[in-house]
Amino acid sequence: MLPARYRMTRSKDFGATVSRGVRAAQPDLVVHALRVSEDAFDGAPKIGLIVSKAVGNAVQRHRVSRRLRHVAASLIDDLDPADRIVIRALPRSRDADSARLERQLRAALKRVRSEDRARR
């Protein structure tokens, strides 16, 4: 379970991360990452999920959300406190198991970090 202090809840944060962040696509998900300035963070990384109706019915969307929250919780220690991450589930994610989602999320975060370093 993803503890509440790590959850992104404000739409403003989601919008900023998606529009200004670095994007990395995988077959089952898309990751947007943004590192905020020191005055804009509260000491903990924030992770947000986007699971649209394109993923499936309510049961399928909630199942995908639970899996993504579980996978994201395992990555908290690897994130910087200034990191903002938005994970967008794609329709194929409804058929993915947690291990596959974790591999794809780790690969996307690795690519995002390398692109972020190249930007600086």
Foldseek 3Di string as FASTA:
>chain_A
DADPVQEDDDVVLVVCQVPVFDWDDDPFKIKGKDFDDPVPFDQFHHEYEAEDCLLDDPVLSVVLVVLVSVLVNVCRVVDGRRMYMYMYTHNVSSVDGSVVVNVRVVVGVVVRVVVVVVVD
